[in-house]
PDB file of N, CA and C in Angstrom:
ATOM      1  N   MET A   1       3.708 -38.218  53.529  1.00  0.00           N
ATOM      2  CA  MET A   1       2.884 -37.006  53.520  1.00  0.00           C
ATOM      3  C   MET A   1       1.391 -37.280  53.070  1.00  0.00           C
ATOM      4  N   ALA A   2       0.496 -37.159  54.045  1.00  0.00           N
ATOM      5  CA  ALA A   2      -0.760 -37.533  53.868  1.00  0.00           C
ATOM      6  C   ALA A   2      -1.524 -36.333  53.005  1.00  0.00           C
ATOM      7  N   LYS A   3      -2.312 -36.682  52.006  1.00  0.00           N
ATOM      8  CA  LYS A   3      -2.950 -35.590  51.271  1.00  0.00           C
ATOM      9  C   LYS A   3      -4.179 -35.326  52.080  1.00  0.00           C
ATOM     10  N   ASN A   4      -4.420 -34.025  52.345  1.00  0.00           N
ATOM     11  CA  ASN A   4      -5.573 -33.684  53.212  1.00  0.00           C
ATOM     12  C   ASN A   4      -6.381 -32.620  52.475  1.00  0.00           C
ATOM     13  N   PHE A   5      -7.701 -32.594  52.853  1.00  0.00           N
ATOM     14  CA  PHE A   5      -8.630 -31.623  52.456  1.00  0.00           C
ATOM     15  C   PHE A   5      -8.298 -30.184  52.860  1.00  0.00           C
ATOM     16  N   GLU A   6      -7.736 -30.088  54.110  1.00  0.00           N
ATOM     17  CA  GLU A   6      -7.467 -28.678  54.584  1.00  0.00           C
ATOM     18  C   GLU A   6      -6.501 -27.974  53.573  1.00  0.00           C
ATOM     19  N   THR A   7      -5.453 -28.628  53.238  1.00  0.00           N
ATOM     20  CA  THR A   7      -4.442 -27.985  52.372  1.00  0.00           C
ATOM     21  C   THR A   7      -5.117 -27.700  51.031  1.00  0.00           C
ATOM     22  N   ALA A   8      -6.006 -28.465  50.478  1.00  0.00           N
ATOM     23  CA  ALA A   8      -6.621 -28.252  49.152  1.00  0.00           C
ATOM     24  C   ALA A   8      -7.587 -26.929  49.451  1.00  0.00           C
ATOM     25  N   ILE A   9      -8.212 -26.866  50.421  1.00  0.00           N
ATOM     26  CA  ILE A   9      -8.986 -25.616  50.777  1.00  0.00           C
ATOM     27  C   ILE A   9      -8.045 -24.377  50.810  1.00  0.00           C
ATOM     28  N   LEU A  10      -6.952 -24.619  51.507  1.00  0.00           N
ATOM     29  CA  LEU A  10      -6.053 -23.325  51.699  1.00  0.00           C
ATOM     30  C   LEU A  10      -5.618 -23.001  50.336  1.00  0.00           C
ATOM     31  N   LEU A  11      -5.290 -24.000  49.447  1.00  0.00           N
ATOM     32  CA  LEU A  11      -4.859 -23.579  48.095  1.00  0.00           C
ATOM     33  C   LEU A  11      -5.842 -22.920  47.335  1.00  0.00           C
ATOM     34  N   ASP A  12      -7.158 -23.209  47.515  1.00  0.00           N
ATOM     35  CA  ASP A  12      -8.127 -22.430  46.867  1.00  0.00           C
ATOM     36  C   ASP A  12      -8.110 -20.939  47.361  1.00  0.00           C
ATOM     37  N   PHE A  13      -7.923 -20.715  48.480  1.00  0.00           N
ATOM     38  CA  PHE A  13      -7.983 -19.349  49.108  1.00  0.00           C
ATOM     39  C   PHE A  13      -6.705 -18.619  48.833  1.00  0.00           C
ATOM     40  N   TYR A  14      -5.564 -19.230  48.998  1.00  0.00           N
ATOM     41  CA  TYR A  14      -4.298 -18.510  48.946  1.00  0.00           C
ATOM     42  C   TYR A  14      -3.361 -18.896  47.856  1.00  0.00           C
ATOM     43  N   GLY A  15      -3.803 -19.802  46.965  1.00  0.00           N
ATOM     44  CA  GLY A  15      -3.006 -20.206  45.878  1.00  0.00           C
ATOM     45  C   GLY A  15      -2.353 -19.194  45.018  1.00  0.00           C
ATOM     46  N   ASP A  16      -3.020 -18.072  44.777  1.00  0.00           N
ATOM     47  CA  ASP A  16      -2.538 -17.026  43.903  1.00  0.00           C
ATOM     48  C   ASP A  16      -1.432 -16.378  44.559  1.00  0.00           C
ATOM     49  N   MET A  17      -1.126 -16.500  45.873  1.00  0.00           N
ATOM     50  CA  MET A  17      -0.077 -15.867  46.593  1.00  0.00           C
ATOM     51  C   MET A  17       1.101 -16.608  46.481  1.00  0.00           C
ATOM     52  N   LEU A  18       1.098 -17.886  46.018  1.00  0.00           N
ATOM     53  CA  LEU A  18       2.303 -18.660  45.906  1.00  0.00           C
ATOM     54  C   LEU A  18       3.015 -18.358  44.588  1.00  0.00           C
ATOM     55  N   THR A  19       4.203 -18.830  44.446  1.00  0.00           N
ATOM     56  CA  THR A  19       4.794 -18.928  43.089  1.00  0.00           C
ATOM     57  C   THR A  19       4.099 -19.767  42.080  1.00  0.00           C
ATOM     58  N   GLU A  20       4.307 -19.619  40.876  1.00  0.00           N
ATOM     59  CA  GLU A  20       3.731 -20.441  39.869  1.00  0.00           C
ATOM     60  C   GLU A  20       4.036 -21.968  40.071  1.00  0.00           C
ATOM     61  N   LYS A  21       5.283 -22.230  40.310  1.00  0.00           N
ATOM     62  CA  LYS A  21       5.808 -23.529  40.545  1.00  0.00           C
ATOM     63  C   LYS A  21       5.227 -24.159  41.732  1.00  0.00           C
ATOM     64  N   GLN A  22       5.226 -23.492  42.965  1.00  0.00           N
ATOM     65  CA  GLN A  22       4.627 -23.916  44.169  1.00  0.00           C
ATOM     66  C   GLN A  22       3.171 -24.224  43.874  1.00  0.00           C
ATOM     67  N   ARG A  23       2.381 -23.431  43.222  1.00  0.00           N
ATOM     68  CA  ARG A  23       0.920 -23.590  42.980  1.00  0.00           C
ATOM     69  C   ARG A  23       0.778 -24.766  42.044  1.00  0.00           C
ATOM     70  N   ASP A  24       1.533 -24.878  40.992  1.00  0.00           N
ATOM     71  CA  ASP A  24       1.450 -26.060  40.104  1.00  0.00           C
ATOM     72  C   ASP A  24       1.719 -27.324  40.853  1.00  0.00           C
ATOM     73  N   PHE A  25       2.755 -27.385  41.657  1.00  0.00           N
ATOM     74  CA  PHE A  25       3.142 -28.651  42.423  1.00  0.00           C
ATOM     75  C   PHE A  25       1.972 -28.925  43.370  1.00  0.00           C
ATOM     76  N   LEU A  26       1.428 -28.099  44.007  1.00  0.00           N
ATOM     77  CA  LEU A  26       0.288 -28.351  45.037  1.00  0.00           C
ATOM     78  C   LEU A  26      -0.968 -28.751  44.167  1.00  0.00           C
ATOM     79  N   GLU A  27      -1.210 -28.136  43.071  1.00  0.00           N
ATOM     80  CA  GLU A  27      -2.401 -28.482  42.385  1.00  0.00           C
ATOM     81  C   GLU A  27      -2.219 -29.933  41.785  1.00  0.00           C
ATOM     82  N   TYR A  28      -1.097 -30.299  41.332  1.00  0.00           N
ATOM     83  CA  TYR A  28      -0.783 -31.527  40.801  1.00  0.00           C
ATOM     84  C   TYR A  28      -0.995 -32.641  41.907  1.00  0.00           C
ATOM     85  N   TYR A  29      -0.472 -32.303  43.041  1.00  0.00           N
ATOM     86  CA  TYR A  29      -0.527 -33.276  44.159  1.00  0.00           C
ATOM     87  C   TYR A  29      -1.975 -33.351  44.683  1.00  0.00           C
ATOM     88  N   TYR A  30      -2.511 -32.226  44.967  1.00  0.00           N
ATOM     89  CA  TYR A  30      -3.852 -32.252  45.796  1.00  0.00           C
ATOM     90  C   TYR A  30      -4.999 -32.421  44.780  1.00  0.00           C
ATOM     91  N   ASN A  31      -5.066 -31.641  43.715  1.00  0.00           N
ATOM     92  CA  ASN A  31      -6.177 -31.622  42.888  1.00  0.00           C
ATOM     93  C   ASN A  31      -6.169 -32.674  41.790  1.00  0.00           C
ATOM     94  N   ASP A  32      -4.962 -32.983  41.174  1.00  0.00           N
ATOM     95  CA  ASP A  32      -4.838 -33.912  40.119  1.00  0.00           C
ATOM     96  C   ASP A  32      -4.510 -35.259  40.708  1.00  0.00           C
ATOM     97  N   ASP A  33      -4.188 -35.350  41.972  1.00  0.00           N
ATOM     98  CA  ASP A  33      -3.886 -36.713  42.690  1.00  0.00           C
ATOM     99  C   ASP A  33      -2.619 -37.361  42.105  1.00  0.00           C
ATOM    100  N   LEU A  34      -1.603 -36.556  41.656  1.00  0.00           N
ATOM    101  CA  LEU A  34      -0.446 -37.132  41.242  1.00  0.00           C
ATOM    102  C   LEU A  34       0.458 -37.477  42.451  1.00  0.00           C
ATOM    103  N   SER A  35       1.232 -38.475  42.276  1.00  0.00           N
ATOM    104  CA  SER A  35       2.198 -38.910  43.423  1.00  0.00           C
ATOM    105  C   SER A  35       3.409 -37.967  43.098  1.00  0.00           C
ATOM    106  N   LEU A  36       4.184 -37.935  44.164  1.00  0.00           N
ATOM    107  CA  LEU A  36       5.440 -37.155  44.186  1.00  0.00           C
ATOM    108  C   LEU A  36       6.438 -37.613  43.013  1.00  0.00           C
ATOM    109  N   SER A  37       6.474 -38.848  42.859  1.00  0.00           N
ATOM    110  CA  SER A  37       7.275 -39.462  41.691  1.00  0.00           C
ATOM    111  C   SER A  37       6.754 -38.933  40.374  1.00  0.00           C
ATOM    112  N   GLU A  38       5.478 -38.982  40.212  1.00  0.00           N
ATOM    113  CA  GLU A  38       4.980 -38.703  38.925  1.00  0.00           C
ATOM    114  C   GLU A  38       5.087 -37.064  38.641  1.00  0.00           C
ATOM    115  N   ILE A  39       4.937 -36.288  39.667  1.00  0.00           N
ATOM    116  CA  ILE A  39       5.243 -34.831  39.474  1.00  0.00           C
ATOM    117  C   ILE A  39       6.748 -34.661  39.062  1.00  0.00           C
ATOM    118  N   ALA A  40       7.578 -35.334  39.842  1.00  0.00           N
ATOM    119  CA  ALA A  40       9.002 -35.253  39.630  1.00  0.00           C
ATOM    120  C   ALA A  40       9.388 -35.599  38.228  1.00  0.00           C
ATOM    121  N   GLU A  41       8.806 -36.675  37.703  1.00  0.00           N
ATOM    122  CA  GLU A  41       9.192 -37.225  36.293  1.00  0.00           C
ATOM    123  C   GLU A  41       8.644 -36.102  35.314  1.00  0.00           C
ATOM    124  N   ASN A  42       7.401 -35.594  35.570  1.00  0.00           N
ATOM    125  CA  ASN A  42       6.892 -34.632  34.633  1.00  0.00           C
ATOM    126  C   ASN A  42       7.578 -33.353  34.665  1.00  0.00           C
ATOM    127  N   GLU A  43       8.209 -32.984  35.743  1.00  0.00           N
ATOM    128  CA  GLU A  43       8.824 -31.616  35.894  1.00  0.00           C
ATOM    129  C   GLU A  43      10.332 -31.915  35.686  1.00  0.00           C
ATOM    130  N   GLY A  44      11.007 -32.986  35.629  1.00  0.00           N
ATOM    131  CA  GLY A  44      12.272 -33.084  35.379  1.00  0.00           C
ATOM    132  C   GLY A  44      13.179 -32.935  36.749  1.00  0.00           C
ATOM    133  N   ILE A  45      12.704 -33.054  37.792  1.00  0.00           N
ATOM    134  CA  ILE A  45      13.521 -32.866  39.028  1.00  0.00           C
ATOM    135  C   ILE A  45      13.265 -34.041  39.883  1.00  0.00           C
ATOM    136  N   THR A  46      13.964 -34.077  41.147  1.00  0.00           N
ATOM    137  CA  THR A  46      13.920 -35.293  41.929  1.00  0.00           C
ATOM    138  C   THR A  46      12.655 -35.298  42.736  1.00  0.00           C
ATOM    139  N   ARG A  47      12.229 -36.443  43.271  1.00  0.00           N
ATOM    140  CA  ARG A  47      11.134 -36.711  44.051  1.00  0.00           C
ATOM    141  C   ARG A  47      11.292 -35.812  45.341  1.00  0.00           C
ATOM    142  N   GLN A  48      12.528 -35.686  45.803  1.00  0.00           N
ATOM    143  CA  GLN A  48      12.802 -35.107  47.072  1.00  0.00           C
ATOM    144  C   GLN A  48      12.627 -33.590  46.812  1.00  0.00           C
ATOM    145  N   GLY A  49      12.983 -33.130  45.538  1.00  0.00           N
ATOM    146  CA  GLY A  49      12.807 -31.691  45.274  1.00  0.00           C
ATOM    147  C   GLY A  49      11.286 -31.326  45.251  1.00  0.00           C
ATOM    148  N   VAL A  50      10.575 -32.201  44.771  1.00  0.00           N
ATOM    149  CA  VAL A  50       9.121 -32.073  44.690  1.00  0.00           C
ATOM    150  C   VAL A  50       8.489 -31.902  46.189  1.00  0.00           C
ATOM    151  N   ARG A  51       8.941 -32.927  46.965  1.00  0.00           N
ATOM    152  CA  ARG A  51       8.527 -33.046  48.374  1.00  0.00           C
ATOM    153  C   ARG A  51       8.797 -31.786  49.110  1.00  0.00           C
ATOM    154  N   ASP A  52      10.096 -31.218  48.986  1.00  0.00           N
ATOM    155  CA  ASP A  52      10.523 -30.114  49.682  1.00  0.00           C
ATOM    156  C   ASP A  52       9.688 -28.818  49.257  1.00  0.00           C
ATOM    157  N   ALA A  53       9.433 -28.792  47.868  1.00  0.00           N
ATOM    158  CA  ALA A  53       8.881 -27.570  47.337  1.00  0.00           C
ATOM    159  C   ALA A  53       7.222 -27.625  47.927  1.00  0.00           C
ATOM    160  N   ILE A  54       6.668 -28.737  48.036  1.00  0.00           N
ATOM    161  CA  ILE A  54       5.268 -28.902  48.477  1.00  0.00           C
ATOM    162  C   ILE A  54       5.275 -28.556  49.975  1.00  0.00           C
ATOM    163  N   LYS A  55       6.229 -29.135  50.849  1.00  0.00           N
ATOM    164  CA  LYS A  55       6.307 -28.773  52.185  1.00  0.00           C
ATOM    165  C   LYS A  55       6.354 -27.215  52.384  1.00  0.00           C
ATOM    166  N   ARG A  56       7.389 -26.669  51.730  1.00  0.00           N
ATOM    167  CA  ARG A  56       7.486 -25.164  51.777  1.00  0.00           C
ATOM    168  C   ARG A  56       6.148 -24.381  51.509  1.00  0.00           C
ATOM    169  N   ALA A  57       5.546 -24.884  50.324  1.00  0.00           N
ATOM    170  CA  ALA A  57       4.326 -24.183  49.917  1.00  0.00           C
ATOM    171  C   ALA A  57       3.216 -24.460  50.996  1.00  0.00           C
ATOM    172  N   GLU A  58       3.182 -25.651  51.482  1.00  0.00           N
ATOM    173  CA  GLU A  58       2.058 -25.964  52.556  1.00  0.00           C
ATOM    174  C   GLU A  58       2.237 -25.078  53.784  1.00  0.00           C
ATOM    175  N   ALA A  59       3.511 -24.869  54.152  1.00  0.00           N
ATOM    176  CA  ALA A  59       3.908 -24.008  55.275  1.00  0.00           C
ATOM    177  C   ALA A  59       3.368 -22.587  54.995  1.00  0.00           C
ATOM    178  N   GLN A  60       3.759 -22.120  53.823  1.00  0.00           N
ATOM    179  CA  GLN A  60       3.189 -20.841  53.586  1.00  0.00           C
ATOM    180  C   GLN A  60       1.688 -20.618  53.491  1.00  0.00           C
ATOM    181  N   LEU A  61       1.035 -21.588  53.085  1.00  0.00           N
ATOM    182  CA  LEU A  61      -0.314 -21.586  53.106  1.00  0.00           C
ATOM    183  C   LEU A  61      -0.894 -21.573  54.546  1.00  0.00           C
ATOM    184  N   ILE A  62      -0.301 -22.292  55.395  1.00  0.00           N
ATOM    185  CA  ILE A  62      -0.801 -22.325  56.756  1.00  0.00           C
ATOM    186  C   ILE A  62      -0.419 -21.019  57.394  1.00  0.00           C
ATOM    187  N   ASP A  63       0.808 -20.448  57.140  1.00  0.00           N
ATOM    188  CA  ASP A  63       1.017 -19.105  57.685  1.00  0.00           C
ATOM    189  C   ASP A  63       0.059 -18.109  57.192  1.00  0.00           C
ATOM    190  N   MET A  64      -0.291 -18.114  55.939  1.00  0.00           N
ATOM    191  CA  MET A  64      -1.221 -17.065  55.415  1.00  0.00           C
ATOM    192  C   MET A  64      -2.549 -17.224  56.161  1.00  0.00           C
ATOM    193  N   GLU A  65      -3.064 -18.508  56.321  1.00  0.00           N
ATOM    194  CA  GLU A  65      -4.297 -18.728  56.996  1.00  0.00           C
ATOM    195  C   GLU A  65      -4.312 -18.293  58.410  1.00  0.00           C
ATOM    196  N   ASN A  66      -3.095 -18.480  59.117  1.00  0.00           N
ATOM    197  CA  ASN A  66      -2.939 -18.069  60.511  1.00  0.00           C
ATOM    198  C   ASN A  66      -2.948 -16.622  60.612  1.00  0.00           C
ATOM    199  N   ARG A  67      -2.556 -15.805  59.577  1.00  0.00           N
ATOM    200  CA  ARG A  67      -2.491 -14.426  59.696  1.00  0.00           C
ATOM    201  C   ARG A  67      -3.831 -13.897  59.190  1.00  0.00           C
ATOM    202  N   LEU A  68      -4.492 -14.423  58.144  1.00  0.00           N
ATOM    203  CA  LEU A  68      -5.623 -13.747  57.503  1.00  0.00           C
ATOM    204  C   LEU A  68      -6.902 -14.361  58.005  1.00  0.00           C
ATOM    205  N   GLU A  69      -6.874 -15.687  58.277  1.00  0.00           N
ATOM    206  CA  GLU A  69      -8.106 -16.467  58.700  1.00  0.00           C
ATOM    207  C   GLU A  69      -9.349 -16.379  57.589  1.00  0.00           C
ATOM    208  N   LEU A  70      -8.989 -16.297  56.393  1.00  0.00           N
ATOM    209  CA  LEU A  70     -10.050 -16.278  55.328  1.00  0.00           C
ATOM    210  C   LEU A  70     -10.790 -17.561  55.269  1.00  0.00           C
ATOM    211  N   ALA A  71     -10.134 -18.646  55.280  1.00  0.00           N
ATOM    212  CA  ALA A  71     -10.704 -19.994  55.138  1.00  0.00           C
ATOM    213  C   ALA A  71     -11.571 -20.153  56.386  1.00  0.00           C
ATOM    214  N   LYS A  72     -11.174 -19.861  57.638  1.00  0.00           N
ATOM    215  CA  LYS A  72     -11.965 -20.007  58.862  1.00  0.00           C
ATOM    216  C   LYS A  72     -13.239 -19.223  58.852  1.00  0.00           C
ATOM    217  N   ARG A  73     -13.127 -17.833  58.356  1.00  0.00           N
ATOM    218  CA  ARG A  73     -14.233 -16.982  58.371  1.00  0.00           C
ATOM    219  C   ARG A  73     -15.258 -17.588  57.352  1.00  0.00           C
ATOM    220  N   PHE A  74     -14.733 -18.011  56.113  1.00  0.00           N
ATOM    221  CA  PHE A  74     -15.522 -18.587  55.268  1.00  0.00           C
ATOM    222  C   PHE A  74     -16.435 -19.725  55.687  1.00  0.00           C
ATOM    223  N   GLU A  75     -15.730 -20.601  56.438  1.00  0.00           N
ATOM    224  CA  GLU A  75     -16.462 -21.801  57.004  1.00  0.00           C
ATOM    225  C   GLU A  75     -17.420 -21.369  58.177  1.00  0.00           C
ATOM    226  N   GLU A  76     -17.041 -20.370  58.875  1.00  0.00           N
ATOM    227  CA  GLU A  76     -18.001 -19.904  59.816  1.00  0.00           C
ATOM    228  C   GLU A  76     -19.271 -19.308  59.181  1.00  0.00           C
ATOM    229  N   MET A  77     -19.033 -18.541  58.031  1.00  0.00           N
ATOM    230  CA  MET A  77     -20.194 -17.935  57.361  1.00  0.00           C
ATOM    231  C   MET A  77     -21.160 -19.054  56.791  1.00  0.00           C
ATOM    232  N   ARG A  78     -20.392 -20.103  56.292  1.00  0.00           N
ATOM    233  CA  ARG A  78     -21.166 -21.255  55.591  1.00  0.00           C
ATOM    234  C   ARG A  78     -21.998 -21.917  56.611  1.00  0.00           C
ATOM    235  N   GLU A  79     -21.487 -22.181  57.788  1.00  0.00           N
ATOM    236  CA  GLU A  79     -22.221 -22.717  58.874  1.00  0.00           C
ATOM    237  C   GLU A  79     -23.420 -21.866  59.356  1.00  0.00           C
ATOM    238  N   GLY A  80     -23.153 -20.530  59.445  1.00  0.00           N
ATOM    239  CA  GLY A  80     -24.119 -19.663  59.747  1.00  0.00           C
ATOM    240  C   GLY A  80     -25.283 -19.646  58.815  1.00  0.00           C
ATOM    241  N   MET A  81     -24.935 -19.653  57.477  1.00  0.00           N
ATOM    242  CA  MET A  81     -26.034 -19.638  56.457  1.00  0.00           C
ATOM    243  C   MET A  81     -26.870 -21.008  56.621  1.00  0.00           C
ATOM    244  N   ASN A  82     -26.251 -22.086  56.802  1.00  0.00           N
ATOM    245  CA  ASN A  82     -26.946 -23.398  57.118  1.00  0.00           C
ATOM    246  C   ASN A  82     -27.898 -23.181  58.239  1.00  0.00           C
ATOM    247  N   GLU A  83     -27.370 -22.528  59.313  1.00  0.00           N
ATOM    248  CA  GLU A  83     -28.311 -22.331  60.472  1.00  0.00           C
ATOM    249  C   GLU A  83     -29.402 -21.462  60.256  1.00  0.00           C
ATOM    250  N   ILE A  84     -29.187 -20.427  59.379  1.00  0.00           N
ATOM    251  CA  ILE A  84     -30.346 -19.541  59.066  1.00  0.00           C
ATOM    252  C   ILE A  84     -31.258 -20.365  58.267  1.00  0.00           C
ATOM    253  N   ILE A  85     -30.825 -21.191  57.237  1.00  0.00           N
ATOM    254  CA  ILE A  85     -31.899 -21.966  56.431  1.00  0.00           C
ATOM    255  C   ILE A  85     -32.708 -22.863  57.485  1.00  0.00           C
ATOM    256  N   SER A  86     -32.027 -23.518  58.432  1.00  0.00           N
ATOM    257  CA  SER A  86     -32.597 -24.465  59.443  1.00  0.00           C
ATOM    258  C   SER A  86     -33.673 -23.649  60.274  1.00  0.00           C
ATOM    259  N   TYR A  87     -33.324 -22.463  60.748  1.00  0.00           N
ATOM    260  CA  TYR A  87     -34.321 -21.664  61.508  1.00  0.00           C
ATOM    261  C   TYR A  87     -35.428 -21.294  60.609  1.00  0.00           C
ATOM    262  N   ALA A  88     -35.215 -20.737  59.409  1.00  0.00           N
ATOM    263  CA  ALA A  88     -36.265 -20.390  58.553  1.00  0.00           C
ATOM    264  C   ALA A  88     -37.173 -21.553  58.267  1.00  0.00           C
ATOM    265  N   THR A  89     -36.637 -22.780  58.140  1.00  0.00           N
ATOM    266  CA  THR A  89     -37.517 -23.955  57.960  1.00  0.00           C
ATOM    267  C   THR A  89     -38.321 -24.208  59.169  1.00  0.00           C
ATOM    268  N   GLN A  90     -37.829 -24.158  60.377  1.00  0.00           N
ATOM    269  CA  GLN A  90     -38.505 -24.322  61.593  1.00  0.00           C
ATOM    270  C   GLN A  90     -39.626 -23.358  61.687  1.00  0.00           C
ATOM    271  N   ILE A  91     -39.350 -22.119  61.433  1.00  0.00           N
ATOM    272  CA  ILE A  91     -40.484 -20.926  61.502  1.00  0.00           C
ATOM    273  C   ILE A  91     -41.576 -21.306  60.461  1.00  0.00           C
ATOM    274  N   SER A  92     -41.188 -21.767  59.166  1.00  0.00           N
ATOM    275  CA  SER A  92     -42.160 -22.064  58.313  1.00  0.00           C
ATOM    276  C   SER A  92     -43.062 -23.213  58.619  1.00  0.00           C
ATOM    277  N   GLU A  93     -42.411 -24.284  59.334  1.00  0.00           N
ATOM    278  CA  GLU A  93     -43.127 -25.288  59.801  1.00  0.00           C
ATOM    279  C   GLU A  93     -44.038 -24.950  60.949  1.00  0.00           C
ATOM    280  N   TYR A  94     -43.594 -24.222  61.874  1.00  0.00           N
ATOM    281  CA  TYR A  94     -44.401 -23.719  62.924  1.00  0.00           C
ATOM    282  C   TYR A  94     -45.585 -22.895  62.306  1.00  0.00           C
ATOM    283  N   ASN A  95     -45.398 -22.064  61.358  1.00  0.00           N
ATOM    284  CA  ASN A  95     -46.445 -21.225  60.824  1.00  0.00           C
ATOM    285  C   ASN A  95     -47.484 -22.101  60.205  1.00  0.00           C
ATOM    286  N   LEU A  96     -47.048 -23.180  59.511  1.00  0.00           N
ATOM    287  CA  LEU A  96     -47.837 -24.147  58.816  1.00  0.00           C
ATOM    288  C   LEU A  96     -48.871 -24.850  59.847  1.00  0.00           C
ATOM    289  N   HIS A  97     -48.296 -25.066  61.027  1.00  0.00           N
ATOM    290  CA  HIS A  97     -49.104 -25.914  61.961  1.00  0.00           C
ATOM    291  C   HIS A  97     -49.863 -24.980  63.005  1.00  0.00           C
ATOM    292  N   HIS A  98     -49.656 -23.677  62.803  1.00  0.00           N
ATOM    293  CA  HIS A  98     -50.263 -22.728  63.822  1.00  0.00           C
ATOM    294  C   HIS A  98     -50.824 -21.492  63.023  1.00  0.00           C
ATOM    295  N   GLY A  99     -51.708 -21.653  62.141  1.00  0.00           N
ATOM    296  CA  GLY A  99     -52.526 -20.625  61.598  1.00  0.00           C
ATOM    297  C   GLY A  99     -52.041 -19.984  60.244  1.00  0.00           C
ATOM    298  N   MET A 100     -50.987 -20.507  59.619  1.00  0.00           N
ATOM    299  CA  MET A 100     -50.556 -20.128  58.350  1.00  0.00           C
ATOM    300  C   MET A 100     -50.782 -18.579  57.971  1.00  0.00           C
ATOM    301  N   VAL A 101     -49.776 -17.765  58.208  1.00  0.00           N
ATOM    302  CA  VAL A 101     -49.633 -16.448  57.927  1.00  0.00           C
ATOM    303  C   VAL A 101     -48.972 -16.282  56.628  1.00  0.00           C
ATOM    304  N   ARG A 102     -49.564 -15.869  55.595  1.00  0.00           N
ATOM    305  CA  ARG A 102     -48.979 -15.770  54.310  1.00  0.00           C
ATOM    306  C   ARG A 102     -47.544 -14.988  54.286  1.00  0.00           C
ATOM    307  N   GLU A 103     -47.585 -13.926  54.996  1.00  0.00           N
ATOM    308  CA  GLU A 103     -46.382 -13.117  54.952  1.00  0.00           C
ATOM    309  C   GLU A 103     -45.167 -13.773  55.629  1.00  0.00           C
ATOM    310  N   ILE A 104     -45.489 -14.470  56.627  1.00  0.00           N
ATOM    311  CA  ILE A 104     -44.370 -15.311  57.312  1.00  0.00           C
ATOM    312  C   ILE A 104     -44.010 -16.269  56.423  1.00  0.00           C
ATOM    313  N   ASN A 105     -44.839 -17.006  55.698  1.00  0.00           N
ATOM    314  CA  ASN A 105     -44.421 -17.971  54.687  1.00  0.00           C
ATOM    315  C   ASN A 105     -43.596 -17.389  53.649  1.00  0.00           C
ATOM    316  N   ASP A 106     -44.000 -16.221  53.080  1.00  0.00           N
ATOM    317  CA  ASP A 106     -43.211 -15.710  52.041  1.00  0.00           C
ATOM    318  C   ASP A 106     -41.865 -15.136  52.491  1.00  0.00           C
ATOM    319  N   TYR A 107     -41.932 -14.615  53.760  1.00  0.00           N
ATOM    320  CA  TYR A 107     -40.428 -14.193  54.202  1.00  0.00           C
ATOM    321  C   TYR A 107     -39.554 -15.345  54.524  1.00  0.00           C
ATOM    322  N   THR A 108     -40.072 -16.444  54.878  1.00  0.00           N
ATOM    323  CA  THR A 108     -39.125 -17.582  55.204  1.00  0.00           C
ATOM    324  C   THR A 108     -38.731 -18.209  53.947  1.00  0.00           C
ATOM    325  N   VAL A 109     -39.500 -18.156  52.935  1.00  0.00           N
ATOM    326  CA  VAL A 109     -39.104 -18.638  51.510  1.00  0.00           C
ATOM    327  C   VAL A 109     -37.927 -17.723  51.030  1.00  0.00           C
ATOM    328  N   LYS A 110     -38.110 -16.358  51.237  1.00  0.00           N
ATOM    329  CA  LYS A 110     -37.178 -15.342  50.805  1.00  0.00           C
ATOM    330  C   LYS A 110     -35.745 -15.684  51.459  1.00  0.00           C
ATOM    331  N   ILE A 111     -35.984 -15.740  52.780  1.00  0.00           N
ATOM    332  CA  ILE A 111     -34.739 -15.994  53.647  1.00  0.00           C
ATOM    333  C   ILE A 111     -33.930 -17.189  53.153  1.00  0.00           C
ATOM    334  N   LYS A 112     -34.654 -18.303  53.011  1.00  0.00           N
ATOM    335  CA  LYS A 112     -34.107 -19.484  52.597  1.00  0.00           C
ATOM    336  C   LYS A 112     -33.361 -19.406  51.225  1.00  0.00           C
ATOM    337  N   THR A 113     -34.021 -18.667  50.309  1.00  0.00           N
ATOM    338  CA  THR A 113     -33.537 -18.603  48.976  1.00  0.00           C
ATOM    339  C   THR A 113     -32.238 -17.597  48.975  1.00  0.00           C
ATOM    340  N   ILE A 114     -32.293 -16.491  49.761  1.00  0.00           N
ATOM    341  CA  ILE A 114     -31.053 -15.720  49.798  1.00  0.00           C
ATOM    342  C   ILE A 114     -29.943 -16.448  50.373  1.00  0.00           C
ATOM    343  N   ALA A 115     -30.261 -17.208  51.472  1.00  0.00           N
ATOM    344  CA  ALA A 115     -29.077 -17.945  52.173  1.00  0.00           C
ATOM    345  C   ALA A 115     -28.560 -19.022  51.207  1.00  0.00           C
ATOM    346  N   GLN A 116     -29.375 -19.702  50.452  1.00  0.00           N
ATOM    347  CA  GLN A 116     -28.940 -20.750  49.546  1.00  0.00           C
ATOM    348  C   GLN A 116     -28.115 -20.138  48.357  1.00  0.00           C
ATOM    349  N   VAL A 117     -28.544 -18.984  47.898  1.00  0.00           N
ATOM    350  CA  VAL A 117     -27.704 -18.332  46.793  1.00  0.00           C
ATOM    351  C   VAL A 117     -26.263 -17.898  47.450  1.00  0.00           C
ATOM    352  N   LEU A 118     -26.301 -17.426  48.696  1.00  0.00           N
ATOM    353  CA  LEU A 118     -24.946 -17.068  49.233  1.00  0.00           C
ATOM    354  C   LEU A 118     -24.076 -18.196  49.550  1.00  0.00           C
ATOM    355  N   LEU A 119     -24.718 -19.295  49.770  1.00  0.00           N
ATOM    356  CA  LEU A 119     -23.956 -20.587  50.037  1.00  0.00           C
ATOM    357  C   LEU A 119     -23.316 -21.145  48.672  1.00  0.00           C
ATOM    358  N   GLU A 120     -23.973 -20.809  47.603  1.00  0.00           N
ATOM    359  CA  GLU A 120     -23.624 -21.451  46.354  1.00  0.00           C
ATOM    360  C   GLU A 120     -22.589 -20.488  45.647  1.00  0.00           C
ATOM    361  N   SER A 121     -22.527 -19.182  46.142  1.00  0.00           N
ATOM    362  CA  SER A 121     -21.647 -18.233  45.455  1.00  0.00           C
ATOM    363  C   SER A 121     -20.134 -18.300  45.950  1.00  0.00           C
TER     364      SER A 121
END
């Protein structure tokens, strides 16, 4: 079972919808980087039991994403914000080389600042 970034992202979005045990196992495995054996030892169950619980929880996360698409929409918004910042930078550079209008400069700075704040929240 390869540890992957996508499952960790889905855990961030949908982890609260899992049982406490499922969430704990996934957090141990993906966020704390514990092996199946380490989790099994800490929880007092078999390695196979941990693996099965993780597989079921992963399937639930994927099902939730397929239905709700929150992670997909978040990624699309993040990409859109980066694109907005890029275009605002291009407008600012064009303005700088073609007659520097103060209002255009002020607006591009505001646009970039707002987009950056949204990316960080």
